[in-house]
Amino acid sequence: MNNLARQQENISPQLEYAKVVAVTETVRVSTSFSELDARRAVSCLVRPEAGDTVLISIDQQGEAWVLSVLIREEQTPTALEVEGDTLLRVKGGSLTVAPDTGLNCITAKAALQSDDIEVAAGKISLTARLFSSNISRVKKVAGTIDDISREFTRRTMNYFRFTKENEECQARSSRQLVEETMTVHSKNTVIVSEEHVKIDGELIHMG
C-alpha cells in the first residue's frame, strides 16, 4: 500500500503558468524556473501561438503538456486544430454556427448529406470547373434569371415550355431539326425575310 502511494506521488503532475516562446512540432514555453518543450494535450483545441499565456502540466519525469490557452495579447486569429479524423456529434439538439462577419470552408473535398436543406441568401456566387447534378425533380421560382454561357446543351426526353406573354429569340442563325412532325399553331403567323424564302418538300399544301 505504501509502495502504491509513493508511485502515485511520483507521477502526480503539477500545474504551472507559462509563456509560449515558439511553436514547432512541440511548444517551447518559459516558466518561472526554466524553458522547456511541451506537447499539446488532445483536449487543448486552441493552437498555441508565440506570446500566449498557457496552463501546463509537469510531472516528476519532466513530461510537460499544454492543457489550455489562457491569454492571447496579440490580435492573432484563433485556430482550432486537431490531428487525425475528427467527428463532431450533437445528441438531442442542434448545432448553430453564427460568425459575425464571414464563414469560410477550405478543404480538398466536402460532402453534405441531409433530408431537408434550406438556403436563404441575398446573393450567391458559384465558380466551378465542372458542375454536375442528379436530381429527380426541380422546382425553381425566380423573379429574374440572367444566364450567360459560352455553350449550352440540354438533353431531355420530353420538354415543355410555357410563356404567358412574349417570347423572343435573337440569333445570328437558327436551325431546327425534327425527325417526324413539326406543327405550328397560331392565330396570326408573319414571316418576314429581306432576301429569299424557300420551301422545299415532297408535298406542299397551302390553304
N, C-alpha and C. Protein backbone atom coordinates (compact mmCIF):
# COMPACT_ATOMS: atom_id res chain seq x y z
N MET A 1 0.83 -1.20 0.00
CA MET A 1 0.00 0.00 0.00
C MET A 1 0.86 1.25 0.00
N ASN A 2 1.94 1.23 0.81
CA ASN A 2 2.84 2.38 0.86
C ASN A 2 3.57 2.56 -0.46
N ASN A 3 3.93 1.41 -1.11
CA ASN A 3 4.60 1.49 -2.41
C ASN A 3 3.69 2.13 -3.46
N LEU A 4 2.39 1.77 -3.45
CA LEU A 4 1.43 2.35 -4.40
C LEU A 4 1.28 3.84 -4.15
N ALA A 5 1.26 4.25 -2.90
CA ALA A 5 1.13 5.67 -2.57
C ALA A 5 2.35 6.44 -3.06
N ARG A 6 3.55 5.85 -2.91
CA ARG A 6 4.76 6.53 -3.36
C ARG A 6 4.78 6.64 -4.89
N GLN A 7 4.27 5.61 -5.59
CA GLN A 7 4.22 5.67 -7.05
C GLN A 7 3.26 6.77 -7.52
N GLN A 8 2.12 6.86 -6.87
CA GLN A 8 1.16 7.92 -7.23
C GLN A 8 1.76 9.29 -6.96
N GLU A 9 2.53 9.43 -5.90
CA GLU A 9 3.14 10.72 -5.56
C GLU A 9 4.20 11.09 -6.58
N ASN A 10 4.94 10.08 -7.10
CA ASN A 10 5.99 10.36 -8.06
C ASN A 10 5.45 10.84 -9.39
N ILE A 11 4.30 10.31 -9.82
CA ILE A 11 3.75 10.68 -11.13
C ILE A 11 2.73 11.79 -11.01
N SER A 12 2.46 12.29 -9.82
CA SER A 12 1.47 13.35 -9.66
C SER A 12 1.95 14.63 -10.35
N PRO A 13 1.20 15.14 -11.33
CA PRO A 13 1.67 16.32 -12.06
C PRO A 13 1.41 17.60 -11.26
N GLN A 14 2.13 18.64 -11.65
CA GLN A 14 1.96 19.96 -11.08
C GLN A 14 1.55 20.93 -12.18
N LEU A 15 0.69 21.87 -11.83
CA LEU A 15 0.21 22.87 -12.78
C LEU A 15 1.07 24.12 -12.68
N GLU A 16 1.32 24.73 -13.83
CA GLU A 16 2.20 25.89 -13.88
C GLU A 16 1.74 26.81 -15.00
N TYR A 17 1.80 28.14 -14.74
CA TYR A 17 1.58 29.11 -15.80
C TYR A 17 2.87 29.25 -16.60
N ALA A 18 2.75 29.44 -17.92
CA ALA A 18 3.93 29.56 -18.76
C ALA A 18 3.63 30.51 -19.91
N LYS A 19 4.71 31.00 -20.52
CA LYS A 19 4.63 31.88 -21.68
C LYS A 19 5.18 31.13 -22.88
N VAL A 20 4.45 31.16 -23.97
CA VAL A 20 4.88 30.45 -25.18
C VAL A 20 5.97 31.26 -25.86
N VAL A 21 7.09 30.59 -26.09
CA VAL A 21 8.23 31.24 -26.76
C VAL A 21 8.18 30.98 -28.26
N ALA A 22 7.97 29.74 -28.65
CA ALA A 22 7.92 29.37 -30.07
C ALA A 22 7.10 28.10 -30.21
N VAL A 23 6.56 27.90 -31.41
CA VAL A 23 5.75 26.72 -31.70
C VAL A 23 6.32 26.04 -32.93
N THR A 24 6.79 24.81 -32.78
CA THR A 24 7.23 23.98 -33.89
C THR A 24 6.46 22.67 -33.80
N GLU A 25 7.15 21.53 -33.81
CA GLU A 25 6.48 20.27 -33.54
C GLU A 25 6.08 20.17 -32.08
N THR A 26 6.81 20.86 -31.22
CA THR A 26 6.45 20.98 -29.81
C THR A 26 6.23 22.46 -29.50
N VAL A 27 5.82 22.73 -28.26
CA VAL A 27 5.58 24.10 -27.82
C VAL A 27 6.68 24.48 -26.83
N ARG A 28 7.50 25.44 -27.20
CA ARG A 28 8.56 25.92 -26.32
C ARG A 28 7.97 26.97 -25.40
N VAL A 29 8.03 26.71 -24.09
CA VAL A 29 7.42 27.61 -23.11
C VAL A 29 8.47 28.05 -22.10
N SER A 30 8.22 29.21 -21.54
CA SER A 30 9.08 29.76 -20.48
C SER A 30 8.28 29.78 -19.19
N THR A 31 8.83 29.10 -18.16
CA THR A 31 8.18 29.03 -16.86
C THR A 31 8.95 29.86 -15.85
N SER A 32 8.53 29.79 -14.61
CA SER A 32 9.19 30.57 -13.56
C SER A 32 10.57 30.02 -13.22
N PHE A 33 10.85 28.77 -13.63
CA PHE A 33 12.13 28.17 -13.28
C PHE A 33 13.03 27.91 -14.48
N SER A 34 12.46 27.70 -15.70
CA SER A 34 13.30 27.44 -16.87
C SER A 34 12.43 27.42 -18.12
N GLU A 35 13.09 27.23 -19.25
CA GLU A 35 12.39 26.98 -20.51
C GLU A 35 12.38 25.49 -20.79
N LEU A 36 11.29 25.02 -21.37
CA LEU A 36 11.19 23.60 -21.68
C LEU A 36 10.25 23.40 -22.86
N ASP A 37 10.32 22.22 -23.44
CA ASP A 37 9.46 21.84 -24.55
C ASP A 37 8.27 21.05 -24.02
N ALA A 38 7.09 21.45 -24.45
CA ALA A 38 5.86 20.78 -24.02
C ALA A 38 5.07 20.32 -25.23
N ARG A 39 4.27 19.31 -25.02
CA ARG A 39 3.38 18.83 -26.06
C ARG A 39 1.96 19.31 -25.78
N ARG A 40 1.21 19.51 -26.85
CA ARG A 40 -0.16 19.99 -26.68
C ARG A 40 -1.08 18.82 -26.39
N ALA A 41 -1.86 18.94 -25.32
CA ALA A 41 -2.80 17.89 -24.96
C ALA A 41 -3.92 17.80 -26.00
N VAL A 42 -4.49 16.62 -26.12
CA VAL A 42 -5.58 16.42 -27.08
C VAL A 42 -6.75 17.33 -26.77
N SER A 43 -7.01 17.57 -25.49
CA SER A 43 -8.14 18.42 -25.09
C SER A 43 -7.88 19.89 -25.34
N CYS A 44 -6.63 20.29 -25.63
CA CYS A 44 -6.31 21.69 -25.92
C CYS A 44 -6.56 21.93 -27.40
N LEU A 45 -7.76 22.35 -27.76
CA LEU A 45 -8.13 22.51 -29.16
C LEU A 45 -7.56 23.77 -29.78
N VAL A 46 -7.31 24.80 -28.97
CA VAL A 46 -6.77 26.04 -29.49
C VAL A 46 -5.27 25.88 -29.69
N ARG A 47 -4.81 26.14 -30.89
CA ARG A 47 -3.37 26.02 -31.18
C ARG A 47 -2.61 27.17 -30.53
N PRO A 48 -1.63 26.87 -29.66
CA PRO A 48 -0.87 27.95 -29.02
C PRO A 48 -0.05 28.73 -30.03
N GLU A 49 0.12 30.01 -29.76
CA GLU A 49 0.95 30.88 -30.57
C GLU A 49 1.97 31.57 -29.67
N ALA A 50 3.05 32.05 -30.28
CA ALA A 50 4.09 32.74 -29.52
C ALA A 50 3.51 33.96 -28.82
N GLY A 51 3.82 34.09 -27.53
CA GLY A 51 3.30 35.19 -26.73
C GLY A 51 2.10 34.83 -25.89
N ASP A 52 1.50 33.65 -26.11
CA ASP A 52 0.33 33.24 -25.33
C ASP A 52 0.73 32.86 -23.91
N THR A 53 -0.19 33.08 -23.00
CA THR A 53 -0.06 32.55 -21.64
C THR A 53 -0.87 31.27 -21.57
N VAL A 54 -0.20 30.17 -21.18
CA VAL A 54 -0.83 28.86 -21.21
C VAL A 54 -0.74 28.21 -19.84
N LEU A 55 -1.58 27.22 -19.62
CA LEU A 55 -1.54 26.39 -18.42
C LEU A 55 -0.90 25.06 -18.80
N ILE A 56 0.17 24.70 -18.14
CA ILE A 56 0.87 23.46 -18.46
C ILE A 56 0.86 22.54 -17.25
N SER A 57 1.06 21.27 -17.55
CA SER A 57 1.16 20.23 -16.53
C SER A 57 2.53 19.59 -16.64
N ILE A 58 3.24 19.48 -15.50
CA ILE A 58 4.59 18.90 -15.46
C ILE A 58 4.60 17.79 -14.42
N ASP A 59 5.06 16.60 -14.85
CA ASP A 59 5.15 15.51 -13.88
C ASP A 59 6.58 15.37 -13.37
N GLN A 60 6.82 14.39 -12.49
CA GLN A 60 8.12 14.21 -11.87
C GLN A 60 9.18 13.77 -12.87
N GLN A 61 8.77 13.19 -14.00
CA GLN A 61 9.72 12.77 -15.02
C GLN A 61 10.08 13.89 -16.00
N GLY A 62 9.52 15.08 -15.78
CA GLY A 62 9.80 16.21 -16.66
C GLY A 62 8.92 16.28 -17.90
N GLU A 63 7.92 15.43 -17.99
CA GLU A 63 6.99 15.46 -19.12
C GLU A 63 6.05 16.64 -18.94
N ALA A 64 5.96 17.49 -19.97
CA ALA A 64 5.15 18.71 -19.88
C ALA A 64 4.08 18.70 -20.97
N TRP A 65 2.89 19.13 -20.58
CA TRP A 65 1.76 19.19 -21.51
C TRP A 65 1.10 20.56 -21.42
N VAL A 66 0.75 21.11 -22.57
CA VAL A 66 -0.04 22.34 -22.61
C VAL A 66 -1.51 21.94 -22.52
N LEU A 67 -2.17 22.38 -21.43
CA LEU A 67 -3.56 21.98 -21.22
C LEU A 67 -4.55 22.95 -21.86
N SER A 68 -4.25 24.25 -21.81
CA SER A 68 -5.16 25.24 -22.37
C SER A 68 -4.44 26.55 -22.60
N VAL A 69 -5.00 27.34 -23.50
CA VAL A 69 -4.50 28.69 -23.76
C VAL A 69 -5.34 29.64 -22.93
N LEU A 70 -4.68 30.41 -22.06
CA LEU A 70 -5.39 31.28 -21.13
C LEU A 70 -5.54 32.70 -21.65
N ILE A 71 -4.45 33.29 -22.12
CA ILE A 71 -4.46 34.69 -22.54
C ILE A 71 -3.73 34.81 -23.87
N ARG A 72 -4.31 35.58 -24.76
CA ARG A 72 -3.65 35.92 -26.03
C ARG A 72 -3.69 37.43 -26.17
N GLU A 73 -2.54 38.05 -26.07
CA GLU A 73 -2.46 39.50 -26.07
C GLU A 73 -2.52 40.07 -27.48
N GLU A 74 -1.84 39.44 -28.43
CA GLU A 74 -1.81 39.95 -29.79
C GLU A 74 -3.09 39.55 -30.53
N GLN A 75 -3.40 40.33 -31.58
CA GLN A 75 -4.60 40.06 -32.37
C GLN A 75 -4.31 38.96 -33.40
N THR A 76 -3.98 37.80 -32.88
CA THR A 76 -3.71 36.64 -33.73
C THR A 76 -4.98 35.81 -33.88
N PRO A 77 -5.35 35.42 -35.10
CA PRO A 77 -6.55 34.59 -35.26
C PRO A 77 -6.46 33.31 -34.43
N THR A 78 -7.56 32.95 -33.82
CA THR A 78 -7.61 31.72 -33.02
C THR A 78 -7.84 30.53 -33.93
N ALA A 79 -6.94 29.55 -33.83
CA ALA A 79 -7.03 28.36 -34.67
C ALA A 79 -7.38 27.16 -33.82
N LEU A 80 -8.51 26.53 -34.13
CA LEU A 80 -8.87 25.26 -33.51
C LEU A 80 -8.23 24.16 -34.35
N GLU A 81 -7.35 23.39 -33.74
CA GLU A 81 -6.54 22.43 -34.50
C GLU A 81 -6.55 21.07 -33.81
N VAL A 82 -6.88 20.04 -34.57
CA VAL A 82 -6.84 18.67 -34.09
C VAL A 82 -6.09 17.83 -35.10
N GLU A 83 -5.64 16.66 -34.69
CA GLU A 83 -4.92 15.76 -35.57
C GLU A 83 -5.76 14.52 -35.85
N GLY A 84 -5.70 14.05 -37.09
CA GLY A 84 -6.41 12.84 -37.47
C GLY A 84 -7.88 13.10 -37.77
N ASP A 85 -8.60 12.04 -38.09
CA ASP A 85 -10.03 12.13 -38.39
C ASP A 85 -10.77 12.61 -37.15
N THR A 86 -11.71 13.53 -37.36
CA THR A 86 -12.43 14.15 -36.24
C THR A 86 -13.93 14.10 -36.52
N LEU A 87 -14.69 13.77 -35.51
CA LEU A 87 -16.15 13.71 -35.61
C LEU A 87 -16.75 14.63 -34.57
N LEU A 88 -17.62 15.52 -35.01
CA LEU A 88 -18.37 16.40 -34.10
C LEU A 88 -19.82 15.94 -34.10
N ARG A 89 -20.28 15.42 -32.97
CA ARG A 89 -21.62 14.86 -32.88
C ARG A 89 -22.40 15.60 -31.80
N VAL A 90 -23.62 16.00 -32.12
CA VAL A 90 -24.51 16.65 -31.17
C VAL A 90 -25.72 15.74 -30.97
N LYS A 91 -25.93 15.27 -29.74
CA LYS A 91 -27.04 14.38 -29.43
C LYS A 91 -28.17 15.16 -28.75
N GLY A 92 -29.36 14.96 -29.25
CA GLY A 92 -30.53 15.55 -28.62
C GLY A 92 -30.68 17.04 -28.85
N GLY A 93 -30.02 17.61 -29.85
CA GLY A 93 -30.13 19.05 -30.09
C GLY A 93 -29.60 19.41 -31.46
N SER A 94 -29.46 20.69 -31.70
CA SER A 94 -28.99 21.19 -32.99
C SER A 94 -27.66 21.90 -32.82
N LEU A 95 -27.03 22.20 -33.92
CA LEU A 95 -25.74 22.87 -33.93
C LEU A 95 -25.86 24.14 -34.76
N THR A 96 -25.48 25.26 -34.19
CA THR A 96 -25.55 26.55 -34.87
C THR A 96 -24.17 27.18 -34.90
N VAL A 97 -23.75 27.59 -36.08
CA VAL A 97 -22.50 28.32 -36.26
C VAL A 97 -22.87 29.73 -36.69
N ALA A 98 -22.56 30.73 -35.88
CA ALA A 98 -23.02 32.10 -36.11
C ALA A 98 -21.89 33.09 -36.01
N PRO A 99 -21.02 33.18 -37.03
CA PRO A 99 -19.98 34.21 -37.00
C PRO A 99 -20.56 35.58 -37.34
N ASP A 100 -19.95 36.63 -36.81
CA ASP A 100 -20.44 37.98 -37.05
C ASP A 100 -20.13 38.48 -38.47
N THR A 101 -19.02 38.05 -39.04
CA THR A 101 -18.60 38.61 -40.33
C THR A 101 -18.68 37.60 -41.46
N GLY A 102 -17.94 36.49 -41.39
CA GLY A 102 -17.92 35.57 -42.52
C GLY A 102 -17.66 34.15 -42.08
N LEU A 103 -18.00 33.21 -42.96
CA LEU A 103 -17.79 31.78 -42.73
C LEU A 103 -17.09 31.22 -43.96
N ASN A 104 -15.87 30.70 -43.78
CA ASN A 104 -15.09 30.15 -44.88
C ASN A 104 -14.84 28.67 -44.63
N CYS A 105 -15.00 27.89 -45.68
CA CYS A 105 -14.72 26.45 -45.62
C CYS A 105 -13.70 26.13 -46.71
N ILE A 106 -12.51 25.72 -46.31
CA ILE A 106 -11.42 25.43 -47.25
C ILE A 106 -11.01 23.98 -47.05
N THR A 107 -11.25 23.17 -48.04
CA THR A 107 -10.93 21.75 -47.94
C THR A 107 -10.76 21.17 -49.34
N ALA A 108 -10.11 20.02 -49.43
CA ALA A 108 -9.94 19.36 -50.71
C ALA A 108 -11.23 18.72 -51.20
N LYS A 109 -12.09 18.26 -50.29
CA LYS A 109 -13.33 17.61 -50.66
C LYS A 109 -14.35 17.83 -49.56
N ALA A 110 -15.58 18.14 -49.95
CA ALA A 110 -16.65 18.38 -48.98
C ALA A 110 -17.90 17.59 -49.38
N ALA A 111 -18.60 17.06 -48.40
CA ALA A 111 -19.82 16.30 -48.65
C ALA A 111 -20.87 16.72 -47.63
N LEU A 112 -22.10 16.91 -48.09
CA LEU A 112 -23.22 17.30 -47.23
C LEU A 112 -24.38 16.37 -47.49
N GLN A 113 -24.85 15.71 -46.43
CA GLN A 113 -25.97 14.78 -46.54
C GLN A 113 -27.07 15.23 -45.58
N SER A 114 -28.26 15.43 -46.11
CA SER A 114 -29.38 15.88 -45.29
C SER A 114 -30.69 15.52 -45.98
N ASP A 115 -31.73 15.26 -45.19
CA ASP A 115 -33.05 15.00 -45.74
C ASP A 115 -33.72 16.28 -46.22
N ASP A 116 -33.38 17.40 -45.63
CA ASP A 116 -34.03 18.67 -45.97
C ASP A 116 -33.00 19.79 -45.81
N ILE A 117 -32.79 20.57 -46.86
CA ILE A 117 -31.84 21.68 -46.84
C ILE A 117 -32.55 22.96 -47.26
N GLU A 118 -32.39 24.00 -46.50
CA GLU A 118 -32.93 25.31 -46.83
C GLU A 118 -31.78 26.32 -46.86
N VAL A 119 -31.72 27.10 -47.93
CA VAL A 119 -30.69 28.12 -48.09
C VAL A 119 -31.38 29.45 -48.34
N ALA A 120 -31.10 30.43 -47.52
CA ALA A 120 -31.64 31.78 -47.70
C ALA A 120 -30.46 32.75 -47.76
N ALA A 121 -30.30 33.41 -48.88
CA ALA A 121 -29.15 34.29 -49.06
C ALA A 121 -29.55 35.46 -49.93
N GLY A 122 -28.92 36.60 -49.67
CA GLY A 122 -29.16 37.76 -50.50
C GLY A 122 -28.45 37.67 -51.84
N LYS A 123 -27.32 36.98 -51.89
CA LYS A 123 -26.54 36.83 -53.12
C LYS A 123 -25.74 35.54 -53.04
N ILE A 124 -25.73 34.78 -54.12
CA ILE A 124 -24.99 33.54 -54.19
C ILE A 124 -24.11 33.58 -55.44
N SER A 125 -22.82 33.30 -55.28
CA SER A 125 -21.89 33.22 -56.40
C SER A 125 -21.26 31.83 -56.40
N LEU A 126 -21.23 31.21 -57.57
CA LEU A 126 -20.67 29.87 -57.73
C LEU A 126 -19.65 29.89 -58.85
N THR A 127 -18.43 29.49 -58.52
CA THR A 127 -17.37 29.37 -59.51
C THR A 127 -16.84 27.94 -59.46
N ALA A 128 -16.95 27.23 -60.56
CA ALA A 128 -16.56 25.82 -60.57
C ALA A 128 -16.04 25.45 -61.94
N ARG A 129 -15.11 24.49 -61.98
CA ARG A 129 -14.62 23.98 -63.25
C ARG A 129 -15.64 23.03 -63.87
N LEU A 130 -16.34 22.26 -63.06
CA LEU A 130 -17.35 21.33 -63.55
C LEU A 130 -18.49 21.29 -62.55
N PHE A 131 -19.72 21.39 -63.05
CA PHE A 131 -20.92 21.30 -62.21
C PHE A 131 -21.78 20.16 -62.72
N SER A 132 -22.06 19.19 -61.87
CA SER A 132 -22.85 18.03 -62.23
C SER A 132 -23.92 17.82 -61.17
N SER A 133 -25.16 17.60 -61.61
CA SER A 133 -26.26 17.39 -60.67
C SER A 133 -27.12 16.22 -61.15
N ASN A 134 -27.64 15.47 -60.19
CA ASN A 134 -28.53 14.35 -60.47
C ASN A 134 -29.75 14.51 -59.57
N ILE A 135 -30.80 15.10 -60.10
CA ILE A 135 -31.98 15.48 -59.32
C ILE A 135 -33.21 14.90 -59.98
N SER A 136 -34.07 14.29 -59.18
CA SER A 136 -35.28 13.69 -59.74
C SER A 136 -36.32 14.75 -60.10
N ARG A 137 -36.42 15.82 -59.32
CA ARG A 137 -37.42 16.85 -59.60
C ARG A 137 -36.89 18.20 -59.14
N VAL A 138 -37.05 19.21 -59.98
CA VAL A 138 -36.58 20.56 -59.67
C VAL A 138 -37.74 21.53 -59.84
N LYS A 139 -37.95 22.36 -58.84
CA LYS A 139 -38.93 23.44 -58.93
C LYS A 139 -38.20 24.74 -58.64
N LYS A 140 -38.24 25.66 -59.60
CA LYS A 140 -37.49 26.90 -59.48
C LYS A 140 -38.42 28.08 -59.68
N VAL A 141 -38.41 29.00 -58.74
CA VAL A 141 -39.21 30.22 -58.81
C VAL A 141 -38.25 31.39 -58.66
N ALA A 142 -38.20 32.26 -59.67
CA ALA A 142 -37.28 33.39 -59.63
C ALA A 142 -37.90 34.59 -60.31
N GLY A 143 -37.56 35.76 -59.84
CA GLY A 143 -38.05 36.98 -60.47
C GLY A 143 -37.33 37.25 -61.77
N THR A 144 -36.03 37.14 -61.77
CA THR A 144 -35.21 37.39 -62.96
C THR A 144 -34.06 36.40 -62.99
N ILE A 145 -33.84 35.80 -64.16
CA ILE A 145 -32.72 34.89 -64.35
C ILE A 145 -31.91 35.39 -65.54
N ASP A 146 -30.63 35.60 -65.32
CA ASP A 146 -29.72 36.02 -66.38
C ASP A 146 -28.65 34.94 -66.52
N ASP A 147 -28.75 34.15 -67.59
CA ASP A 147 -27.86 33.01 -67.80
C ASP A 147 -26.91 33.34 -68.96
N ILE A 148 -25.63 33.42 -68.68
CA ILE A 148 -24.62 33.73 -69.69
C ILE A 148 -23.65 32.56 -69.76
N SER A 149 -23.53 31.97 -70.92
CA SER A 149 -22.63 30.83 -71.08
C SER A 149 -22.08 30.83 -72.50
N ARG A 150 -20.90 30.25 -72.66
CA ARG A 150 -20.30 30.15 -73.99
C ARG A 150 -20.98 29.05 -74.81
N GLU A 151 -21.34 27.98 -74.18
CA GLU A 151 -22.02 26.88 -74.86
C GLU A 151 -23.00 26.24 -73.90
N PHE A 152 -24.21 25.98 -74.37
CA PHE A 152 -25.26 25.42 -73.51
C PHE A 152 -25.93 24.27 -74.25
N THR A 153 -25.93 23.10 -73.63
CA THR A 153 -26.53 21.90 -74.22
C THR A 153 -27.50 21.30 -73.23
N ARG A 154 -28.71 20.97 -73.73
CA ARG A 154 -29.73 20.35 -72.87
C ARG A 154 -30.28 19.13 -73.59
N ARG A 155 -30.32 18.01 -72.88
CA ARG A 155 -30.85 16.77 -73.43
C ARG A 155 -31.98 16.27 -72.52
N THR A 156 -33.17 16.10 -73.11
CA THR A 156 -34.33 15.65 -72.35
C THR A 156 -35.14 14.66 -73.18
N MET A 157 -35.96 13.88 -72.50
CA MET A 157 -36.90 13.01 -73.20
C MET A 157 -38.12 13.80 -73.67
N ASN A 158 -38.67 14.63 -72.81
CA ASN A 158 -39.80 15.50 -73.15
C ASN A 158 -39.51 16.88 -72.59
N TYR A 159 -39.83 17.89 -73.37
CA TYR A 159 -39.52 19.26 -72.98
C TYR A 159 -40.75 20.13 -73.23
N PHE A 160 -41.25 20.75 -72.16
CA PHE A 160 -42.43 21.61 -72.25
C PHE A 160 -42.05 22.99 -71.73
N ARG A 161 -42.42 24.02 -72.46
CA ARG A 161 -42.12 25.39 -72.07
C ARG A 161 -43.38 26.23 -72.26
N PHE A 162 -43.76 26.97 -71.23
CA PHE A 162 -44.97 27.78 -71.25
C PHE A 162 -44.58 29.24 -71.01
N THR A 163 -44.91 30.09 -71.97
CA THR A 163 -44.63 31.52 -71.87
C THR A 163 -45.96 32.26 -71.85
N LYS A 164 -46.21 33.01 -70.78
CA LYS A 164 -47.51 33.66 -70.62
C LYS A 164 -47.64 34.86 -71.53
N GLU A 165 -46.57 35.61 -71.74
CA GLU A 165 -46.68 36.81 -72.56
C GLU A 165 -45.79 36.70 -73.80
N ASN A 166 -44.67 37.38 -73.82
CA ASN A 166 -43.84 37.43 -75.02
C ASN A 166 -42.64 36.51 -74.89
N GLU A 167 -42.23 35.96 -76.05
CA GLU A 167 -41.02 35.15 -76.11
C GLU A 167 -40.23 35.58 -77.35
N GLU A 168 -38.97 35.87 -77.14
CA GLU A 168 -38.14 36.39 -78.23
C GLU A 168 -36.81 35.64 -78.26
N CYS A 169 -36.37 35.32 -79.46
CA CYS A 169 -35.08 34.65 -79.66
C CYS A 169 -34.28 35.45 -80.68
N GLN A 170 -33.10 35.87 -80.28
CA GLN A 170 -32.21 36.61 -81.17
C GLN A 170 -30.96 35.77 -81.41
N ALA A 171 -30.66 35.53 -82.69
CA ALA A 171 -29.51 34.69 -83.03
C ALA A 171 -28.99 35.10 -84.40
N ARG A 172 -27.70 34.84 -84.61
CA ARG A 172 -27.11 35.09 -85.92
C ARG A 172 -27.67 34.11 -86.95
N SER A 173 -27.86 32.88 -86.56
CA SER A 173 -28.51 31.88 -87.40
C SER A 173 -29.26 30.92 -86.49
N SER A 174 -30.33 30.33 -87.02
CA SER A 174 -31.16 29.43 -86.22
C SER A 174 -31.53 28.23 -87.08
N ARG A 175 -31.50 27.06 -86.45
CA ARG A 175 -31.81 25.83 -87.17
C ARG A 175 -32.55 24.88 -86.26
N GLN A 176 -33.61 24.26 -86.79
CA GLN A 176 -34.38 23.27 -86.05
C GLN A 176 -34.41 21.97 -86.86
N LEU A 177 -34.10 20.88 -86.19
CA LEU A 177 -34.13 19.56 -86.82
C LEU A 177 -35.18 18.72 -86.10
N VAL A 178 -36.20 18.28 -86.85
CA VAL A 178 -37.29 17.48 -86.30
C VAL A 178 -37.36 16.18 -87.10
N GLU A 179 -37.30 15.05 -86.43
CA GLU A 179 -37.28 13.77 -87.15
C GLU A 179 -38.63 13.44 -87.78
N GLU A 180 -39.73 13.78 -87.12
CA GLU A 180 -41.03 13.37 -87.65
C GLU A 180 -41.88 14.59 -88.02
N THR A 181 -42.72 15.06 -87.15
CA THR A 181 -43.68 16.11 -87.50
C THR A 181 -43.42 17.37 -86.69
N MET A 182 -43.46 18.50 -87.37
CA MET A 182 -43.35 19.79 -86.71
C MET A 182 -44.64 20.56 -86.96
N THR A 183 -45.29 20.99 -85.91
CA THR A 183 -46.58 21.66 -86.01
C THR A 183 -46.48 23.02 -85.36
N VAL A 184 -46.97 24.05 -86.05
CA VAL A 184 -47.00 25.42 -85.52
C VAL A 184 -48.45 25.87 -85.53
N HIS A 185 -48.99 26.22 -84.36
CA HIS A 185 -50.36 26.73 -84.25
C HIS A 185 -50.29 28.17 -83.77
N SER A 186 -50.97 29.05 -84.48
CA SER A 186 -51.02 30.45 -84.05
C SER A 186 -52.24 31.12 -84.66
N LYS A 187 -52.65 32.22 -84.05
CA LYS A 187 -53.75 33.00 -84.62
C LYS A 187 -53.30 33.73 -85.87
N ASN A 188 -52.12 34.33 -85.81
CA ASN A 188 -51.54 35.00 -86.95
C ASN A 188 -50.07 34.61 -87.04
N THR A 189 -49.60 34.34 -88.26
CA THR A 189 -48.21 34.00 -88.49
C THR A 189 -47.64 34.94 -89.54
N VAL A 190 -46.55 35.57 -89.22
CA VAL A 190 -45.90 36.51 -90.13
C VAL A 190 -44.47 36.06 -90.34
N ILE A 191 -44.06 35.87 -91.57
CA ILE A 191 -42.70 35.53 -91.93
C ILE A 191 -42.14 36.67 -92.78
N VAL A 192 -41.10 37.32 -92.29
CA VAL A 192 -40.50 38.46 -92.98
C VAL A 192 -39.05 38.11 -93.29
N SER A 193 -38.68 38.20 -94.54
CA SER A 193 -37.31 37.91 -94.94
C SER A 193 -36.84 39.01 -95.88
N GLU A 194 -35.62 39.47 -95.68
CA GLU A 194 -35.09 40.53 -96.52
C GLU A 194 -34.73 40.02 -97.92
N GLU A 195 -34.40 38.74 -98.05
CA GLU A 195 -34.00 38.22 -99.35
C GLU A 195 -34.86 37.05 -99.77
N HIS A 196 -34.43 35.84 -99.52
CA HIS A 196 -35.11 34.67 -100.08
C HIS A 196 -35.92 33.93 -99.02
N VAL A 197 -37.01 33.37 -99.46
CA VAL A 197 -37.81 32.43 -98.68
C VAL A 197 -37.94 31.16 -99.50
N LYS A 198 -37.51 30.04 -98.96
CA LYS A 198 -37.51 28.78 -99.70
C LYS A 198 -38.27 27.73 -98.93
N ILE A 199 -39.22 27.10 -99.61
CA ILE A 199 -39.98 25.99 -99.04
C ILE A 199 -39.75 24.80 -99.94
N ASP A 200 -39.18 23.75 -99.43
CA ASP A 200 -38.83 22.58 -100.23
C ASP A 200 -39.42 21.34 -99.57
N GLY A 201 -40.28 20.64 -100.28
CA GLY A 201 -40.89 19.44 -99.73
C GLY A 201 -41.47 18.57 -100.83
N GLU A 202 -41.65 17.32 -100.52
CA GLU A 202 -42.26 16.41 -101.50
C GLU A 202 -43.70 16.78 -101.78
N LEU A 203 -44.41 17.20 -100.74
CA LEU A 203 -45.79 17.64 -100.89
C LEU A 203 -46.00 18.90 -100.10
N ILE A 204 -46.48 19.95 -100.75
CA ILE A 204 -46.74 21.24 -100.09
C ILE A 204 -48.21 21.55 -100.26
N HIS A 205 -48.93 21.71 -99.15
CA HIS A 205 -50.35 22.04 -99.17
C HIS A 205 -50.56 23.35 -98.44
N MET A 206 -51.11 24.33 -99.09
CA MET A 206 -51.35 25.65 -98.51
C MET A 206 -52.83 25.99 -98.73
N GLY A 207 -53.48 26.48 -97.63
CA GLY A 207 -54.87 26.85 -97.75
C GLY A 207 -55.80 25.76 -97.27
